[in-house]
Protein backbone atom coordinates (compact mmCIF):
# COMPACT_ATOMS: atom_id res chain seq x y z
CA MET A 1 176.85 -6.07 73.12
CA SER A 2 175.53 -8.49 70.53
CA PHE A 3 176.08 -7.72 66.84
CA ASP A 4 174.23 -8.79 63.81
CA PHE A 5 177.30 -10.18 62.43
CA ASP A 6 180.80 -10.89 63.63
CA ALA A 7 182.39 -9.59 60.53
CA THR A 8 181.39 -7.52 57.35
CA VAL A 9 183.41 -7.30 54.18
CA VAL A 10 182.78 -4.48 51.62
CA GLY A 11 183.43 -5.88 48.11
CA ALA A 12 182.81 -9.23 46.71
CA GLY A 13 185.78 -9.36 44.23
CA ALA A 14 188.52 -12.16 44.67
CA VAL A 15 190.13 -10.46 47.54
CA GLY A 16 186.86 -9.39 49.36
CA LEU A 17 185.73 -12.97 49.13
CA ALA A 18 188.97 -14.59 50.27
CA CYS A 19 188.73 -12.19 53.25
CA GLY A 20 185.22 -13.60 54.00
CA ARG A 21 186.06 -17.01 53.48
CA ALA A 22 189.20 -16.62 56.04
CA LEU A 23 186.90 -14.90 58.58
CA ALA A 24 184.18 -17.62 58.19
CA ALA A 25 186.79 -20.39 58.55
CA ARG A 26 187.33 -19.22 62.14
CA GLY A 27 183.77 -19.66 62.89
CA LEU A 28 182.58 -16.07 62.61
CA SER A 29 179.33 -15.07 61.00
CA VAL A 30 180.13 -13.26 57.87
CA LEU A 31 178.43 -10.79 55.55
CA VAL A 32 179.95 -9.66 52.38
CA LEU A 33 178.39 -6.75 50.46
CA GLU A 34 178.58 -6.02 47.01
CA ARG A 35 177.28 -3.09 44.97
CA GLU A 36 177.09 -4.71 41.66
CA GLY A 37 174.49 -7.23 40.84
CA ALA A 38 176.74 -10.23 40.95
CA ILE A 39 180.18 -11.17 42.43
CA GLY A 40 183.52 -10.21 40.71
CA GLN A 41 182.36 -7.73 38.22
CA GLY A 42 185.09 -5.02 38.73
CA VAL A 43 188.88 -5.67 38.82
CA SER A 44 188.76 -9.46 39.47
CA SER A 45 186.97 -10.17 36.23
CA ARG A 46 188.79 -7.79 33.99
CA ASN A 47 192.33 -9.10 34.17
CA SER A 48 194.57 -11.67 32.65
CA GLU A 49 193.57 -14.49 34.96
CA VAL A 50 197.27 -15.25 35.32
CA ILE A 51 198.81 -16.94 38.38
CA HIS A 52 201.91 -15.12 39.13
CA GLY A 53 205.08 -16.80 40.28
CA GLY A 54 206.19 -13.77 42.41
CA LEU A 55 209.43 -12.89 40.49
CA TYR A 56 209.49 -9.19 40.17
CA TYR A 57 208.59 -7.90 43.55
CA PRO A 58 210.98 -6.22 45.95
CA THR A 59 212.17 -8.95 48.64
CA GLY A 60 210.26 -8.42 51.82
CA SER A 61 207.30 -6.47 50.49
CA LEU A 62 203.84 -7.52 51.02
CA LYS A 63 203.48 -8.17 47.14
CA ALA A 64 206.43 -10.51 47.19
CA ARG A 65 205.36 -12.47 50.27
CA PHE A 66 201.54 -12.56 49.44
CA CYS A 67 202.19 -13.40 45.72
CA VAL A 68 204.26 -16.68 46.76
CA GLU A 69 202.18 -17.57 49.60
CA GLY A 70 198.92 -16.85 47.76
CA ARG A 71 199.98 -18.68 44.79
CA ARG A 72 200.91 -21.96 46.69
CA ALA A 73 197.65 -21.73 48.48
CA LEU A 74 195.75 -20.99 45.29
CA TYR A 75 196.81 -23.94 43.38
CA ALA A 76 196.00 -26.27 46.27
CA PHE A 77 192.65 -24.49 46.39
CA LEU A 78 191.84 -24.82 42.80
CA GLU A 79 192.82 -28.46 42.61
CA SER A 80 190.76 -29.39 45.70
CA ARG A 81 187.80 -27.55 44.41
CA LYS A 82 187.97 -28.67 40.84
CA VAL A 83 188.40 -25.09 39.35
CA GLU A 84 189.80 -25.20 36.01
CA HIS A 85 193.43 -24.06 35.74
CA TRP A 86 196.67 -24.76 33.91
CA LYS A 87 200.08 -24.33 35.22
CA CYS A 88 201.46 -23.70 31.83
CA GLY A 89 204.65 -21.76 32.74
CA LYS A 90 205.99 -18.46 31.64
CA LEU A 91 208.82 -17.22 29.64
CA ILE A 92 210.29 -13.75 30.12
CA VAL A 93 211.97 -13.08 27.03
CA ALA A 94 214.75 -10.59 26.19
CA THR A 95 214.38 -9.63 22.43
CA GLU A 96 217.35 -7.25 22.35
CA PRO A 97 221.00 -7.88 23.62
CA ASP A 98 220.62 -4.88 25.96
CA GLU A 99 217.61 -6.45 27.75
CA VAL A 100 219.55 -9.65 28.76
CA GLY A 101 220.90 -7.75 31.98
CA ARG A 102 217.26 -7.06 33.25
CA LEU A 103 216.69 -10.89 32.98
CA ASP A 104 219.55 -11.50 35.25
CA ALA A 105 218.16 -9.06 37.89
CA ILE A 106 214.75 -10.60 37.62
CA PHE A 107 216.39 -14.01 38.35
CA ASP A 108 218.24 -12.63 41.24
CA GLN A 109 214.94 -11.21 42.56
CA ALA A 110 213.08 -14.48 42.11
CA VAL A 111 215.80 -16.38 43.97
CA ALA A 112 215.62 -13.89 46.97
CA ASN A 113 211.78 -14.13 47.06
CA ASP A 114 212.00 -17.94 47.24
CA VAL A 115 210.16 -18.44 43.93
CA GLU A 116 210.50 -22.21 42.87
CA GLY A 117 212.26 -23.62 39.92
CA VAL A 118 213.12 -20.28 37.96
CA GLN A 119 215.80 -21.17 35.18
CA ARG A 120 218.05 -19.05 32.83
CA LEU A 121 217.64 -20.25 29.36
CA THR A 122 219.68 -19.49 26.24
CA ALA A 123 217.97 -18.39 23.06
CA GLY A 124 218.29 -22.03 21.59
CA GLN A 125 216.64 -23.52 24.88
CA ALA A 126 213.80 -20.95 24.81
CA LEU A 127 213.22 -21.68 20.98
CA ALA A 128 213.12 -25.41 21.81
CA LEU A 129 210.09 -24.75 23.95
CA GLU A 130 208.60 -22.28 21.80
CA PRO A 131 209.85 -22.23 18.20
CA GLU A 132 208.02 -19.23 16.94
CA LEU A 133 209.66 -16.56 19.47
CA ARG A 134 212.12 -13.73 18.66
CA VAL A 135 214.48 -14.09 21.71
CA GLU A 136 218.12 -13.44 22.86
CA ALA A 137 217.59 -15.18 26.15
CA ALA A 138 214.79 -15.93 28.54
CA LEU A 139 213.79 -17.00 32.06
CA LEU A 140 211.38 -19.82 32.77
CA SER A 141 209.11 -19.56 35.50
CA PRO A 142 207.36 -23.17 35.78
CA GLU A 143 205.02 -22.26 38.64
CA SER A 144 203.21 -19.45 36.76
CA GLY A 145 199.87 -20.34 34.96
CA VAL A 146 196.19 -19.32 34.09
CA PHE A 147 192.84 -20.16 35.86
CA ASP A 148 189.19 -19.55 35.70
CA SER A 149 188.93 -16.57 38.22
CA HIS A 150 185.11 -16.55 38.24
CA GLY A 151 184.88 -20.20 39.05
CA TYR A 152 187.51 -19.36 41.77
CA MET A 153 185.25 -16.66 43.20
CA LEU A 154 182.20 -18.81 43.17
CA ALA A 155 184.03 -21.41 45.14
CA LEU A 156 184.96 -18.92 47.73
CA GLN A 157 181.25 -17.69 47.85
CA GLY A 158 180.24 -21.27 48.30
CA GLU A 159 182.64 -21.62 51.31
CA ILE A 160 181.43 -18.48 52.83
CA GLU A 161 177.78 -19.64 52.53
CA ASP A 162 178.47 -23.17 53.47
CA ALA A 163 179.71 -21.71 56.81
CA GLY A 164 176.62 -19.91 57.29
CA GLY A 165 177.76 -16.55 56.01
CA SER A 166 175.97 -14.48 53.41
CA VAL A 167 177.17 -12.69 50.26
CA VAL A 168 174.59 -9.95 49.12
CA VAL A 169 174.72 -8.31 45.75
CA SER A 170 173.21 -5.06 44.56
CA THR A 171 173.58 -3.60 48.11
CA PRO A 172 176.20 -0.70 47.96
CA PHE A 173 178.03 0.42 51.22
CA ASP A 174 176.87 3.73 52.28
CA ARG A 175 178.46 4.47 55.52
CA ALA A 176 179.81 3.00 58.73
CA GLU A 177 179.92 4.52 62.15
CA PRO A 178 182.21 3.37 65.02
CA LEU A 179 180.08 2.37 67.98
CA PRO A 180 181.17 3.52 71.76
CA GLY A 181 181.65 0.01 72.93
CA GLY A 182 183.43 -1.33 69.74
CA GLY A 183 182.17 -2.47 66.51
CA PHE A 184 180.23 -0.50 63.73
CA ARG A 185 176.76 0.41 62.64
CA ILE A 186 176.58 0.05 58.82
CA THR A 187 174.00 1.59 56.49
CA ALA A 188 173.93 -0.26 53.14
CA GLY A 189 171.62 -0.58 50.16
CA GLY A 190 170.94 3.03 49.35
CA ALA A 191 167.33 4.42 49.64
CA GLY A 192 165.30 2.22 51.63
CA GLY A 193 168.41 0.17 52.63
CA THR A 194 169.38 -1.49 55.77
CA VAL A 195 171.13 -0.73 59.05
CA LEU A 196 173.00 -3.56 60.69
CA THR A 197 175.75 -3.88 63.21
CA THR A 198 179.08 -5.57 63.03
CA ARG A 199 182.06 -6.34 65.36
CA LEU A 200 184.70 -6.32 62.49
CA LEU A 201 184.82 -4.55 59.19
CA VAL A 202 186.97 -5.17 56.25
CA THR A 203 186.98 -2.85 53.05
CA ALA A 204 188.20 -4.59 49.94
CA ALA A 205 186.45 -2.38 47.42
CA GLY A 206 188.98 -2.18 44.65
CA LEU A 207 188.57 1.02 42.55
CA GLN A 208 186.21 2.22 45.27
CA ALA A 209 188.69 1.63 48.19
CA GLN A 210 189.23 5.24 48.98
CA ASP A 211 185.48 6.06 48.63
CA ALA A 212 184.72 3.30 50.92
CA ALA A 213 187.25 4.52 53.48
CA GLY A 214 185.80 8.10 53.24
CA ARG A 215 182.29 6.75 54.26
CA ILE A 216 183.54 5.47 57.51
CA ASP A 217 183.08 8.19 60.33
CA GLY A 218 186.31 8.97 62.05
CA TYR A 219 188.65 7.61 59.40
CA PRO A 220 191.47 10.24 59.08
CA ALA A 221 191.16 11.79 55.49
CA GLY A 222 194.75 12.39 55.60
CA GLY A 223 195.27 8.50 55.81
CA ILE A 224 193.57 7.68 52.56
CA PRO A 225 196.05 7.40 49.78
CA LYS A 226 195.44 9.15 46.65
CA ALA A 227 193.81 6.86 43.80
CA HIS A 228 195.01 6.58 40.17
CA TYR A 229 193.32 4.65 37.61
CA GLY A 230 195.36 2.43 35.25
CA LYS A 231 193.51 1.24 32.11
CA GLY A 232 194.78 -1.62 30.15
CA VAL A 233 193.15 -3.07 26.95
CA TYR A 234 193.33 -6.62 25.37
CA PHE A 235 193.28 -7.85 21.85
CA ARG A 236 192.48 -11.34 20.76
CA LEU A 237 194.28 -13.16 17.99
CA THR A 238 192.22 -14.50 14.94
CA GLY A 239 193.90 -17.84 14.40
CA ARG A 240 195.98 -20.51 15.97
CA ALA A 241 197.61 -19.59 19.43
CA PRO A 242 201.55 -19.57 18.61
CA PHE A 243 202.75 -20.30 22.17
CA ASP A 244 201.56 -22.67 24.99
CA ARG A 245 203.41 -20.84 27.69
CA LEU A 246 202.87 -17.21 28.85
CA ILE A 247 205.15 -14.95 27.16
CA TYR A 248 206.23 -11.92 28.90
CA PRO A 249 208.69 -9.06 27.96
CA PRO A 250 210.77 -7.37 30.78
CA PRO A 251 208.57 -5.24 33.00
CA ILE A 252 207.64 -1.48 32.13
CA PRO A 253 207.66 1.31 34.68
CA GLY A 254 204.64 0.86 36.83
CA ALA A 255 203.45 -2.45 35.31
CA LEU A 256 204.47 -6.00 33.80
CA GLY A 257 203.89 -4.91 30.15
CA THR A 258 201.84 -6.24 27.20
CA HIS A 259 202.19 -10.01 27.29
CA TYR A 260 200.64 -13.11 25.70
CA ARG A 261 198.64 -15.76 27.18
CA LYS A 262 196.87 -18.73 25.92
CA ASP A 263 193.53 -18.79 27.73
CA LEU A 264 191.70 -22.06 28.89
CA GLY A 265 189.77 -22.03 25.69
CA GLY A 266 192.82 -22.29 23.65
CA GLN A 267 192.64 -18.84 22.22
CA ALA A 268 195.60 -16.18 22.26
CA VAL A 269 195.11 -12.85 24.05
CA PHE A 270 197.56 -10.12 24.21
CA GLY A 271 197.55 -7.30 26.87
CA PRO A 272 197.23 -5.19 28.91
CA ASP A 273 199.03 -1.96 28.06
CA LEU A 274 198.72 1.02 30.53
CA THR A 275 197.05 4.32 30.18
CA TYR A 276 196.08 6.60 32.97
CA VAL A 277 192.34 7.54 33.03
CA ASP A 278 190.04 9.46 35.19
CA GLY A 279 187.51 6.80 35.99
CA GLU A 280 186.05 3.46 34.96
CA ASP A 281 186.35 3.53 31.10
CA TYR A 282 186.28 0.15 29.62
CA SER A 283 186.12 0.92 26.02
CA VAL A 284 188.52 -0.58 23.59
CA ASP A 285 189.77 1.58 20.60
CA PRO A 286 190.23 -0.75 17.55
CA ALA A 287 192.79 1.85 16.23
CA LYS A 288 195.16 0.45 18.91
CA ALA A 289 195.51 -2.65 16.98
CA GLY A 290 198.52 -1.29 15.18
CA GLU A 291 200.30 -0.24 18.23
CA PHE A 292 199.65 -3.77 19.79
CA ALA A 293 200.90 -5.55 16.66
CA ALA A 294 204.16 -3.48 16.59
CA TYR A 295 204.82 -4.40 20.29
CA VAL A 296 203.94 -8.12 19.96
CA ARG A 297 206.26 -8.61 16.88
CA ARG A 298 209.04 -7.75 19.10
CA PHE A 299 208.82 -11.34 20.29
CA TRP A 300 206.59 -12.92 17.83
CA PRO A 301 207.52 -11.80 14.30
CA GLY A 302 205.08 -14.07 12.74
CA LEU A 303 202.05 -12.15 13.68
CA LEU A 304 200.04 -11.43 10.42
CA ASP A 305 198.53 -8.13 9.53
CA ASN A 306 195.02 -7.64 10.70
CA ALA A 307 194.97 -10.44 13.14
CA LEU A 308 194.17 -8.70 16.16
CA THR A 309 190.61 -7.76 17.23
CA PRO A 310 189.54 -5.71 20.25
CA ASP A 311 188.65 -7.87 23.16
CA TYR A 312 188.16 -6.10 26.53
CA ALA A 313 189.63 -3.70 28.99
CA GLY A 314 190.31 -3.45 32.82
CA VAL A 315 191.00 -0.67 35.27
CA ARG A 316 193.41 -1.10 37.94
CA PRO A 317 193.51 0.64 41.37
CA LYS A 318 196.94 2.05 41.44
CA LEU A 319 198.47 4.16 44.09
CA HIS A 320 201.10 5.85 41.89
CA GLY A 321 200.64 8.09 38.97
CA PRO A 322 202.51 8.21 35.61
CA GLY A 323 206.55 8.33 36.39
CA GLU A 324 206.15 7.60 40.14
CA PRO A 325 207.63 4.48 41.84
CA GLN A 326 205.20 1.56 42.15
CA PRO A 327 204.32 1.26 45.92
CA ASP A 328 203.38 -2.08 47.74
CA PHE A 329 200.01 -3.20 48.80
CA GLN A 330 198.56 -1.05 51.62
CA LEU A 331 196.65 -2.84 54.53
CA HIS A 332 195.61 -0.36 57.03
CA GLY A 333 194.72 -1.49 60.47
CA ALA A 334 194.20 0.37 63.80
CA ARG A 335 197.94 1.42 64.04
CA GLN A 336 197.16 3.63 60.86
CA HIS A 337 193.74 4.95 61.20
CA GLY A 338 193.04 4.48 64.88
CA LEU A 339 189.75 2.71 64.60
CA ALA A 340 189.63 -0.82 66.37
CA GLY A 341 188.24 -3.71 64.38
CA LEU A 342 188.77 -2.27 61.05
CA VAL A 343 191.14 -3.29 58.15
CA ALA A 344 191.09 -1.11 54.90
CA LEU A 345 192.80 -2.44 51.75
CA PHE A 346 194.32 0.02 49.13
CA GLY A 347 195.94 -0.41 45.90
CA ILE A 348 195.25 -4.12 45.49
CA GLU A 349 196.20 -4.54 41.75
CA SER A 350 198.46 -7.16 40.22
CA PRO A 351 199.41 -9.55 41.78
CA GLY A 352 196.24 -9.28 43.99
CA LEU A 353 194.37 -11.96 42.33
CA THR A 354 197.11 -14.61 42.90
CA SER A 355 197.67 -13.16 46.44
CA SER A 356 193.94 -13.10 47.45
CA LEU A 357 194.00 -16.13 49.88
CA ALA A 358 197.30 -14.89 51.56
CA ILE A 359 195.70 -11.30 51.85
CA GLY A 360 192.57 -12.98 53.58
CA GLU A 361 194.81 -14.59 55.97
CA ALA A 362 196.97 -11.50 56.65
CA VAL A 363 193.54 -9.54 57.16
CA VAL A 364 192.58 -12.01 59.90
CA ALA A 365 195.89 -12.03 61.53
CA MET A 366 195.67 -8.13 61.70
CA LEU A 367 192.28 -8.31 63.23
CA GLN A 368 193.34 -10.93 65.59
CA GLU A 369 196.35 -9.17 66.63
CA HIS A 370 194.34 -5.94 67.74
CA ALA A 371 191.81 -8.10 69.54
């Protein structure tokens, strides 16, 4: 049978757009559906805009593989499309003697993950790079950086549209029904919306990933992982940025911890912390400034009183709750859910932005393998 589109992607964040771009690059007609009024309004625009090196993740995991592959592809993409970015490098700092051993473990993990150029630094070597640090020892990750995530997503959208595809906003995904001969009938747009058919379907809905899967007829409910929402807030520094490089403490359980970045505008931002919430709450409590300041002074004792102002908040789609082990990305194909031509993505939090181009390629490979 003929279809309205070869492939439909649910979600126009960085990962959904990267999937759409990878599909369009194979000559497929592509539709990307987005419920918000513009692309990238969810997880993709409420983060640190950091390009991660790939140091931390268990070797052989999807996070480790996609982060390294995605980061290499991302720098090449940003350079060729003239999207603003800065390979500033990152220092992971031990501020107490008992944290130095954790740096050794991260270094070994980075080497196993094929991360280029990671170096062990003494306190003196770290201070030569960033004199205002409080540090016992550090690791330098020269491949880490920051970038304009919205400019990146606009470039992805442009490539989809240049290939004849469409990115349609203000059009929520309502449901999908597998067709007897293969493919799907999709209803989208809410009341008075539209019905269309597609041969392939990808759900990359971020915080709504579980909801999107539940709207596909025949998707086994037991195969949808439980959703958890991890909120992180950010505070901005009033005054001169103290460091050029990203500054990270050793990771905390379930996240990388509150860190420092100098953004592309030259301003210093600290965050995120991690609090589990019930939904999409983007408020920032100004009273948290004192808590942030105490944490930041562990690696920057020069922070002045009352120098932090509330900035913004993000909510991350986690697959683990408080105290639980942090799981890998989940890409569910026909082997997991039994529906040919469908890939559903779950738990695409950090380093999902860095990994997005690699995730797009992996989704195409999964669809081609089944075909």
